[in-house]
Amino acid sequence: MRLSRSALLDRLLAPAPDAARVAWLRGVAYAHRGLHGPGAVENSPTAFARAVAAGLGIECDVQETADGEAAVFHDLTLERLTGEAGAVADRTLVDLRQVALTGSADTIPALRDLLALVGGRTPLLVEIKARADRSVAALCRTVQRAFEGYAGDHAVMSFDPRVGRWFAHHAPETVRGLVVAEADSPGWRGRWRRRRAVWHARPDFLACDVRDLPSRFAACHRARGLPVLTWTVSDAALLTRAREHADAPIAEGEGLASALASP
């Protein structure tokens, strides 16, 4: 069967990973920002401990601190999840570790704190929150150094294709993913942008918005050997969609409860 030009470019510029290398990604329910809920704030040590106890994989977010460390926190600013204000990037890790998460005894953890807590007991996805106006190299290097000596299954992923490219060149042993939301960029320009992002990032897997599924883009790359994970699976109907069109859900709330009830 003759391949299209774009399929040939996919093979050349973003080859599919070795199947055994990415097999662990499939068939796992990942707790989106940990198993959070009453008494457990998202991306908190308590939420991560609950996910481990429930036998779930973990998805989390990291971003760069003022002193070049990796803090586990989703938002660029502190207001929504703490009693403080200001940008995470303006605080040092020592400072952030003392910031209490609202309604919890937990404080903001470092990536190294999370790795020590999980200890390789469950698969871990780390979304790197890169900023378009900054180089990604320093944060990628910090994340990779945190993983040195870590024995558990783990992967990095990002919306920013520069992250995947950095790991492809400097730490190719680390499984890397590209996060995709098709609704953010519709039409032919969006399709071209996504294709270029894949060629630039050279991902081992995709993490796609569940609202975009079924997706020709996701199905194409899944067919050629890239696992497709999907986010954020927040109810039973979305879990059904995820199971039909992807290899693993990144879930929370009712979606995660449904995944636990029907593994």
C-alpha atoms as a PDB file:
ATOM      1  CA  MET A   1       0.000   0.000   0.000  1.00  0.00           C
ATOM      2  CA  ARG A   2       1.411   3.364  -1.035  1.00  0.00           C
ATOM      3  CA  LEU A   3       1.835   5.844   1.807  1.00  0.00           C
ATOM      4  CA  SER A   4       0.832   9.488   1.506  1.00  0.00           C
ATOM      5  CA  ARG A   5       3.478  12.185   1.634  1.00  0.00           C
ATOM      6  CA  SER A   6       2.396  13.203   5.155  1.00  0.00           C
ATOM      7  CA  ALA A   7       2.567   9.593   6.368  1.00  0.00           C
ATOM      8  CA  LEU A   8       6.055   9.277   4.948  1.00  0.00           C
ATOM      9  CA  LEU A   9       7.082  12.476   6.716  1.00  0.00           C
ATOM     10  CA  ASP A  10       5.607  11.144   9.967  1.00  0.00           C
ATOM     11  CA  ARG A  11       7.774   8.034   9.652  1.00  0.00           C
ATOM     12  CA  LEU A  12      10.862  10.062   8.845  1.00  0.00           C
ATOM     13  CA  LEU A  13      10.516  13.012  11.234  1.00  0.00           C
ATOM     14  CA  ALA A  14       8.587  11.439  14.141  1.00  0.00           C
ATOM     15  CA  PRO A  15       9.072   7.672  14.030  1.00  0.00           C
ATOM     16  CA  ALA A  16       6.869   5.479  16.185  1.00  0.00           C
ATOM     17  CA  PRO A  17       8.441   4.271  19.459  1.00  0.00           C
ATOM     18  CA  ASP A  18       9.477   0.734  20.236  1.00  0.00           C
ATOM     19  CA  ALA A  19       6.260  -1.003  21.316  1.00  0.00           C
ATOM     20  CA  ALA A  20       7.776  -2.535  24.449  1.00  0.00           C
ATOM     21  CA  ARG A  21       9.083   0.847  25.594  1.00  0.00           C
ATOM     22  CA  VAL A  22       5.623   2.406  25.781  1.00  0.00           C
ATOM     23  CA  ALA A  23       3.503  -0.648  26.627  1.00  0.00           C
ATOM     24  CA  TRP A  24       3.134   0.424  30.279  1.00  0.00           C
ATOM     25  CA  LEU A  25       1.219   3.549  29.246  1.00  0.00           C
ATOM     26  CA  ARG A  26      -1.774   1.527  28.061  1.00  0.00           C
ATOM     27  CA  GLY A  27      -4.592   0.106  30.159  1.00  0.00           C
ATOM     28  CA  VAL A  28      -3.992   2.362  33.167  1.00  0.00           C
ATOM     29  CA  ALA A  29      -6.412   4.895  34.651  1.00  0.00           C
ATOM     30  CA  TYR A  30      -4.429   8.008  35.570  1.00  0.00           C
ATOM     31  CA  ALA A  31      -5.711  10.261  38.355  1.00  0.00           C
ATOM     32  CA  HIS A  32      -5.723  13.788  36.951  1.00  0.00           C
ATOM     33  CA  ARG A  33      -3.625  15.866  39.396  1.00  0.00           C
ATOM     34  CA  GLY A  34      -3.930  12.984  41.855  1.00  0.00           C
ATOM     35  CA  LEU A  35      -7.042  11.538  43.470  1.00  0.00           C
ATOM     36  CA  HIS A  36      -8.324  14.888  44.685  1.00  0.00           C
ATOM     37  CA  GLY A  37     -11.613  15.769  46.320  1.00  0.00           C
ATOM     38  CA  PRO A  38     -12.809  16.604  49.836  1.00  0.00           C
ATOM     39  CA  GLY A  39      -9.762  16.804  52.082  1.00  0.00           C
ATOM     40  CA  ALA A  40      -7.311  16.423  49.198  1.00  0.00           C
ATOM     41  CA  VAL A  41      -6.391  19.375  46.980  1.00  0.00           C
ATOM     42  CA  GLU A  42      -5.297  18.763  43.387  1.00  0.00           C
ATOM     43  CA  ASN A  43      -1.550  18.163  42.946  1.00  0.00           C
ATOM     44  CA  SER A  44      -1.136  17.668  46.705  1.00  0.00           C
ATOM     45  CA  PRO A  45       0.744  14.954  48.585  1.00  0.00           C
ATOM     46  CA  THR A  46      -2.557  13.693  50.011  1.00  0.00           C
ATOM     47  CA  ALA A  47      -4.109  13.416  46.527  1.00  0.00           C
ATOM     48  CA  PHE A  48      -1.069  11.542  45.270  1.00  0.00           C
ATOM     49  CA  ALA A  49      -1.037   9.178  48.261  1.00  0.00           C
ATOM     50  CA  ARG A  50      -4.721   8.420  47.707  1.00  0.00           C
ATOM     51  CA  ALA A  51      -4.064   7.607  44.047  1.00  0.00           C
ATOM     52  CA  VAL A  52      -1.288   5.199  44.976  1.00  0.00           C
ATOM     53  CA  ALA A  53      -3.522   3.501  47.572  1.00  0.00           C
ATOM     54  CA  ALA A  54      -6.297   3.130  44.985  1.00  0.00           C
ATOM     55  CA  GLY A  55      -3.969   1.517  42.445  1.00  0.00           C
ATOM     56  CA  LEU A  56      -4.211   4.418  40.016  1.00  0.00           C
ATOM     57  CA  GLY A  57      -1.575   5.987  37.854  1.00  0.00           C
ATOM     58  CA  ILE A  58      -0.834   9.661  38.512  1.00  0.00           C
ATOM     59  CA  GLU A  59      -0.814  12.708  36.270  1.00  0.00           C
ATOM     60  CA  CYS A  60       0.640  15.933  37.677  1.00  0.00           C
ATOM     61  CA  ASP A  61       1.877  19.358  36.605  1.00  0.00           C
ATOM     62  CA  VAL A  62       5.267  20.946  37.197  1.00  0.00           C
ATOM     63  CA  GLN A  63       6.586  24.415  36.576  1.00  0.00           C
ATOM     64  CA  GLU A  64       9.807  26.318  37.136  1.00  0.00           C
ATOM     65  CA  THR A  65      10.475  28.270  40.317  1.00  0.00           C
ATOM     66  CA  ALA A  66      12.511  31.453  40.687  1.00  0.00           C
ATOM     67  CA  ASP A  67      15.567  29.422  41.667  1.00  0.00           C
ATOM     68  CA  GLY A  68      15.291  26.960  38.785  1.00  0.00           C
ATOM     69  CA  GLU A  69      13.621  24.087  40.634  1.00  0.00           C
ATOM     70  CA  ALA A  70      10.486  22.119  39.691  1.00  0.00           C
ATOM     71  CA  ALA A  71       7.361  22.717  41.792  1.00  0.00           C
ATOM     72  CA  VAL A  72       4.242  20.552  41.458  1.00  0.00           C
ATOM     73  CA  PHE A  73       1.472  23.067  40.782  1.00  0.00           C
ATOM     74  CA  HIS A  74      -0.878  23.679  37.868  1.00  0.00           C
ATOM     75  CA  ASP A  75      -1.737  27.389  37.802  1.00  0.00           C
ATOM     76  CA  LEU A  76       0.780  30.067  36.923  1.00  0.00           C
ATOM     77  CA  THR A  77      -0.399  32.061  39.950  1.00  0.00           C
ATOM     78  CA  LEU A  78      -1.187  31.100  43.535  1.00  0.00           C
ATOM     79  CA  GLU A  79      -4.633  32.643  44.073  1.00  0.00           C
ATOM     80  CA  ARG A  80      -6.989  29.770  43.184  1.00  0.00           C
ATOM     81  CA  LEU A  81      -5.451  27.095  45.383  1.00  0.00           C
ATOM     82  CA  THR A  82      -3.763  28.987  48.200  1.00  0.00           C
ATOM     83  CA  GLY A  83      -4.347  31.987  50.433  1.00  0.00           C
ATOM     84  CA  GLU A  84      -1.506  33.856  48.751  1.00  0.00           C
ATOM     85  CA  ALA A  85      -1.092  35.781  45.516  1.00  0.00           C
ATOM     86  CA  GLY A  86       1.502  36.200  42.805  1.00  0.00           C
ATOM     87  CA  ALA A  87       3.271  34.121  40.210  1.00  0.00           C
ATOM     88  CA  VAL A  88       4.718  30.725  41.067  1.00  0.00           C
ATOM     89  CA  ALA A  89       7.747  31.607  38.940  1.00  0.00           C
ATOM     90  CA  ASP A  90       8.540  34.528  41.272  1.00  0.00           C
ATOM     91  CA  ARG A  91       8.900  32.272  44.334  1.00  0.00           C
ATOM     92  CA  THR A  92      11.767  29.995  45.321  1.00  0.00           C
ATOM     93  CA  LEU A  93      11.125  26.336  46.001  1.00  0.00           C
ATOM     94  CA  VAL A  94      11.881  26.818  49.706  1.00  0.00           C
ATOM     95  CA  ASP A  95       9.198  29.502  49.817  1.00  0.00           C
ATOM     96  CA  LEU A  96       6.635  27.471  47.867  1.00  0.00           C
ATOM     97  CA  ARG A  97       7.120  24.431  50.086  1.00  0.00           C
ATOM     98  CA  GLN A  98       5.784  26.559  52.950  1.00  0.00           C
ATOM     99  CA  VAL A  99       2.670  27.764  51.097  1.00  0.00           C
ATOM    100  CA  ALA A 100      -0.400  25.955  52.406  1.00  0.00           C
ATOM    101  CA  LEU A 101      -2.926  24.579  49.938  1.00  0.00           C
ATOM    102  CA  THR A 102      -6.395  25.897  50.751  1.00  0.00           C
ATOM    103  CA  GLY A 103      -8.441  23.696  53.076  1.00  0.00           C
ATOM    104  CA  SER A 104      -5.584  21.287  53.624  1.00  0.00           C
ATOM    105  CA  ALA A 105      -2.603  20.595  55.824  1.00  0.00           C
ATOM    106  CA  ASP A 106      -0.550  20.072  52.652  1.00  0.00           C
ATOM    107  CA  THR A 107       1.882  22.528  51.132  1.00  0.00           C
ATOM    108  CA  ILE A 108       3.110  22.811  47.541  1.00  0.00           C
ATOM    109  CA  PRO A 109       5.474  19.889  46.868  1.00  0.00           C
ATOM    110  CA  ALA A 110       8.600  19.734  44.758  1.00  0.00           C
ATOM    111  CA  LEU A 111       8.846  17.131  42.012  1.00  0.00           C
ATOM    112  CA  ARG A 112      11.447  15.325  44.101  1.00  0.00           C
ATOM    113  CA  ASP A 113       8.953  15.158  46.981  1.00  0.00           C
ATOM    114  CA  LEU A 114       6.413  13.500  44.685  1.00  0.00           C
ATOM    115  CA  LEU A 115       8.939  10.966  43.422  1.00  0.00           C
ATOM    116  CA  ALA A 116       9.891  10.060  46.983  1.00  0.00           C
ATOM    117  CA  LEU A 117       6.223   9.634  47.912  1.00  0.00           C
ATOM    118  CA  VAL A 118       5.352   7.461  44.896  1.00  0.00           C
ATOM    119  CA  GLY A 119       8.554   5.453  45.027  1.00  0.00           C
ATOM    120  CA  GLY A 120       7.902   3.697  41.731  1.00  0.00           C
ATOM    121  CA  ARG A 121       4.693   2.058  42.940  1.00  0.00           C
ATOM    122  CA  THR A 122       2.509   3.403  40.136  1.00  0.00           C
ATOM    123  CA  PRO A 123       3.009   4.919  36.664  1.00  0.00           C
ATOM    124  CA  LEU A 124       3.593   8.662  36.626  1.00  0.00           C
ATOM    125  CA  LEU A 125       2.888  11.302  33.960  1.00  0.00           C
ATOM    126  CA  VAL A 126       4.521  14.695  34.471  1.00  0.00           C
ATOM    127  CA  GLU A 127       3.109  17.554  32.426  1.00  0.00           C
ATOM    128  CA  ILE A 128       5.718  20.278  32.034  1.00  0.00           C
ATOM    129  CA  LYS A 129       4.057  23.697  32.059  1.00  0.00           C
ATOM    130  CA  ALA A 130       6.328  25.590  29.693  1.00  0.00           C
ATOM    131  CA  ARG A 131       5.976  29.295  28.952  1.00  0.00           C
ATOM    132  CA  ALA A 132       6.117  30.454  25.334  1.00  0.00           C
ATOM    133  CA  ASP A 133       8.239  33.481  26.261  1.00  0.00           C
ATOM    134  CA  ARG A 134      10.936  31.419  27.962  1.00  0.00           C
ATOM    135  CA  SER A 135      13.390  28.719  26.992  1.00  0.00           C
ATOM    136  CA  VAL A 136      12.311  25.251  28.118  1.00  0.00           C
ATOM    137  CA  ALA A 137      15.833  23.907  28.530  1.00  0.00           C
ATOM    138  CA  ALA A 138      16.387  24.777  32.204  1.00  0.00           C
ATOM    139  CA  LEU A 139      13.091  23.276  33.404  1.00  0.00           C
ATOM    140  CA  CYS A 140      13.504  20.164  31.242  1.00  0.00           C
ATOM    141  CA  ARG A 141      16.991  19.665  32.635  1.00  0.00           C
ATOM    142  CA  THR A 142      15.721  20.072  36.210  1.00  0.00           C
ATOM    143  CA  VAL A 143      12.964  17.520  35.640  1.00  0.00           C
ATOM    144  CA  GLN A 144      15.361  15.049  34.069  1.00  0.00           C
ATOM    145  CA  ARG A 145      17.808  15.377  36.951  1.00  0.00           C
ATOM    146  CA  ALA A 146      14.990  14.711  39.409  1.00  0.00           C
ATOM    147  CA  PHE A 147      14.318  11.427  37.598  1.00  0.00           C
ATOM    148  CA  GLU A 148      17.932  10.241  37.800  1.00  0.00           C
ATOM    149  CA  GLY A 149      17.918   6.962  39.684  1.00  0.00           C
ATOM    150  CA  TYR A 150      14.105   6.771  39.749  1.00  0.00           C
ATOM    151  CA  ALA A 151      13.083   3.191  38.965  1.00  0.00           C
ATOM    152  CA  GLY A 152       9.339   3.522  38.374  1.00  0.00           C
ATOM    153  CA  ASP A 153       7.511   3.909  35.059  1.00  0.00           C
ATOM    154  CA  HIS A 154       7.358   7.591  34.195  1.00  0.00           C
ATOM    155  CA  ALA A 155       6.930   9.959  31.268  1.00  0.00           C
ATOM    156  CA  VAL A 156       6.972  13.668  30.570  1.00  0.00           C
ATOM    157  CA  MET A 157       4.509  15.520  28.347  1.00  0.00           C
ATOM    158  CA  SER A 158       3.682  19.069  27.337  1.00  0.00           C
ATOM    159  CA  PHE A 159       1.589  21.223  25.013  1.00  0.00           C
ATOM    160  CA  ASP A 160       4.875  22.835  23.997  1.00  0.00           C
ATOM    161  CA  PRO A 161       6.653  20.735  21.329  1.00  0.00           C
ATOM    162  CA  ARG A 162       9.980  22.191  22.408  1.00  0.00           C
ATOM    163  CA  VAL A 163       9.777  20.007  25.519  1.00  0.00           C
ATOM    164  CA  GLY A 164       9.525  16.793  23.537  1.00  0.00           C
ATOM    165  CA  ARG A 165      12.337  17.914  21.284  1.00  0.00           C
ATOM    166  CA  TRP A 166      14.580  18.668  24.270  1.00  0.00           C
ATOM    167  CA  PHE A 167      14.042  15.188  25.712  1.00  0.00           C
ATOM    168  CA  ALA A 168      14.454  13.552  22.296  1.00  0.00           C
ATOM    169  CA  HIS A 169      17.907  15.151  21.988  1.00  0.00           C
ATOM    170  CA  HIS A 170      19.161  15.216  25.579  1.00  0.00           C
ATOM    171  CA  ALA A 171      17.351  12.387  27.396  1.00  0.00           C
ATOM    172  CA  PRO A 172      15.963  10.009  24.754  1.00  0.00           C
ATOM    173  CA  GLU A 173      15.550   7.252  27.329  1.00  0.00           C
ATOM    174  CA  THR A 174      12.704   9.232  28.932  1.00  0.00           C
ATOM    175  CA  VAL A 175       9.287   8.523  27.423  1.00  0.00           C
ATOM    176  CA  ARG A 176       7.866  11.794  26.098  1.00  0.00           C
ATOM    177  CA  GLY A 177       4.398  12.907  25.007  1.00  0.00           C
ATOM    178  CA  LEU A 178       2.713  15.747  23.174  1.00  0.00           C
ATOM    179  CA  VAL A 179      -0.484  17.182  24.687  1.00  0.00           C
ATOM    180  CA  VAL A 180      -3.055  18.168  22.063  1.00  0.00           C
ATOM    181  CA  ALA A 181      -6.327  20.119  22.076  1.00  0.00           C
ATOM    182  CA  GLU A 182      -7.752  20.339  18.559  1.00  0.00           C
ATOM    183  CA  ALA A 183     -10.540  22.786  19.407  1.00  0.00           C
ATOM    184  CA  ASP A 184      -7.924  25.422  20.246  1.00  0.00           C
ATOM    185  CA  SER A 185      -6.817  25.508  16.613  1.00  0.00           C
ATOM    186  CA  PRO A 186      -9.475  24.349  14.129  1.00  0.00           C
ATOM    187  CA  GLY A 187      -9.381  24.209  10.339  1.00  0.00           C
ATOM    188  CA  TRP A 188      -6.523  23.509   7.986  1.00  0.00           C
ATOM    189  CA  ARG A 189      -4.165  25.843   9.849  1.00  0.00           C
ATOM    190  CA  GLY A 190      -4.754  23.864  13.026  1.00  0.00           C
ATOM    191  CA  ARG A 191      -4.187  20.555  11.276  1.00  0.00           C
ATOM    192  CA  TRP A 192      -0.925  21.857   9.836  1.00  0.00           C
ATOM    193  CA  ARG A 193       0.157  23.236  13.214  1.00  0.00           C
ATOM    194  CA  ARG A 194      -0.496  19.881  14.919  1.00  0.00           C
ATOM    195  CA  ARG A 195       1.387  17.983  12.265  1.00  0.00           C
ATOM    196  CA  ARG A 196       4.367  20.323  12.595  1.00  0.00           C
ATOM    197  CA  ALA A 197       4.203  19.961  16.394  1.00  0.00           C
ATOM    198  CA  VAL A 198       4.455  16.172  16.070  1.00  0.00           C
ATOM    199  CA  TRP A 199       7.406  16.457  13.717  1.00  0.00           C
ATOM    200  CA  HIS A 200       9.137  18.892  16.068  1.00  0.00           C
ATOM    201  CA  ALA A 201       8.404  17.073  19.341  1.00  0.00           C
ATOM    202  CA  ARG A 202       8.964  13.506  18.079  1.00  0.00           C
ATOM    203  CA  PRO A 203       6.628  12.162  20.782  1.00  0.00           C
ATOM    204  CA  ASP A 204       6.355   8.571  21.981  1.00  0.00           C
ATOM    205  CA  PHE A 205       2.662   9.117  22.752  1.00  0.00           C
ATOM    206  CA  LEU A 206      -0.137  11.673  22.483  1.00  0.00           C
ATOM    207  CA  ALA A 207      -2.381  13.038  25.233  1.00  0.00           C
ATOM    208  CA  CYS A 208      -5.537  14.300  23.510  1.00  0.00           C
ATOM    209  CA  ASP A 209      -8.536  16.254  24.751  1.00  0.00           C
ATOM    210  CA  VAL A 210     -11.346  13.705  25.153  1.00  0.00           C
ATOM    211  CA  ARG A 211     -13.803  16.216  23.692  1.00  0.00           C
ATOM    212  CA  ASP A 212     -11.967  15.924  20.348  1.00  0.00           C
ATOM    213  CA  LEU A 213     -12.459  12.159  20.138  1.00  0.00           C
ATOM    214  CA  PRO A 214     -13.035  10.415  17.831  1.00  0.00           C
ATOM    215  CA  SER A 215     -10.265  12.201  15.981  1.00  0.00           C
ATOM    216  CA  ARG A 216      -8.698  11.422  12.635  1.00  0.00           C
ATOM    217  CA  PHE A 217      -5.449  12.958  13.881  1.00  0.00           C
ATOM    218  CA  ALA A 218      -5.342  10.762  17.005  1.00  0.00           C
ATOM    219  CA  ALA A 219      -6.437   7.640  15.142  1.00  0.00           C
ATOM    220  CA  CYS A 220      -3.731   8.113  12.509  1.00  0.00           C
ATOM    221  CA  HIS A 221      -0.922   8.260  15.040  1.00  0.00           C
ATOM    222  CA  ARG A 222      -2.447   5.514  17.176  1.00  0.00           C
ATOM    223  CA  ALA A 223      -2.542   3.242  14.133  1.00  0.00           C
ATOM    224  CA  ARG A 224       1.156   3.736  13.540  1.00  0.00           C
ATOM    225  CA  GLY A 225       2.084   2.806  17.106  1.00  0.00           C
ATOM    226  CA  LEU A 226       1.805   5.876  19.352  1.00  0.00           C
ATOM    227  CA  PRO A 227      -0.353   5.240  22.440  1.00  0.00           C
ATOM    228  CA  VAL A 228      -3.141   7.803  22.797  1.00  0.00           C
ATOM    229  CA  LEU A 229      -4.031   8.951  26.303  1.00  0.00           C
ATOM    230  CA  THR A 230      -6.971  11.276  26.790  1.00  0.00           C
ATOM    231  CA  TRP A 231      -7.946  14.027  29.248  1.00  0.00           C
ATOM    232  CA  THR A 232      -9.920  15.123  31.198  1.00  0.00           C
ATOM    233  CA  VAL A 233     -12.339  12.220  31.561  1.00  0.00           C
ATOM    234  CA  SER A 234     -14.772  13.603  34.110  1.00  0.00           C
ATOM    235  CA  ASP A 235     -17.872  11.396  33.794  1.00  0.00           C
ATOM    236  CA  ALA A 236     -19.007   7.916  32.771  1.00  0.00           C
ATOM    237  CA  ALA A 237     -19.952   8.931  29.221  1.00  0.00           C
ATOM    238  CA  LEU A 238     -16.518  10.389  28.596  1.00  0.00           C
ATOM    239  CA  LEU A 239     -14.946   7.250  30.028  1.00  0.00           C
ATOM    240  CA  THR A 240     -16.843   5.183  27.469  1.00  0.00           C
ATOM    241  CA  ARG A 241     -15.568   7.486  24.716  1.00  0.00           C
ATOM    242  CA  ALA A 242     -12.033   7.229  26.045  1.00  0.00           C
ATOM    243  CA  ARG A 243     -12.169   3.439  26.070  1.00  0.00           C
ATOM    244  CA  GLU A 244     -13.438   3.359  22.487  1.00  0.00           C
ATOM    245  CA  HIS A 245     -10.912   5.764  20.988  1.00  0.00           C
ATOM    246  CA  ALA A 246      -7.856   5.873  23.256  1.00  0.00           C
ATOM    247  CA  ASP A 247      -5.514   3.631  25.215  1.00  0.00           C
ATOM    248  CA  ALA A 248      -5.854   5.130  28.703  1.00  0.00           C
ATOM    249  CA  PRO A 249      -7.912   7.830  30.424  1.00  0.00           C
ATOM    250  CA  ILE A 250      -6.569  10.706  32.484  1.00  0.00           C
ATOM    251  CA  ALA A 251      -9.600  11.097  34.720  1.00  0.00           C
ATOM    252  CA  GLU A 252     -11.120  12.817  37.711  1.00  0.00           C
ATOM    253  CA  GLY A 253     -14.407  12.976  39.586  1.00  0.00           C
ATOM    254  CA  GLU A 254     -17.158  10.710  38.253  1.00  0.00           C
ATOM    255  CA  GLY A 255     -14.933   9.574  35.404  1.00  0.00           C
ATOM    256  CA  LEU A 256     -12.342   8.261  37.816  1.00  0.00           C
ATOM    257  CA  ALA A 257     -15.007   6.691  40.034  1.00  0.00           C
ATOM    258  CA  SER A 258     -16.405   4.887  36.985  1.00  0.00           C
ATOM    259  CA  ALA A 259     -12.924   3.685  36.030  1.00  0.00           C
ATOM    260  CA  LEU A 260     -12.396   2.271  39.514  1.00  0.00           C
ATOM    261  CA  ALA A 261     -15.816   0.595  39.456  1.00  0.00           C
ATOM    262  CA  SER A 262     -15.256  -1.037  36.048  1.00  0.00           C
ATOM    263  CA  PRO A 263     -11.512  -1.474  35.498  1.00  0.00           C
END
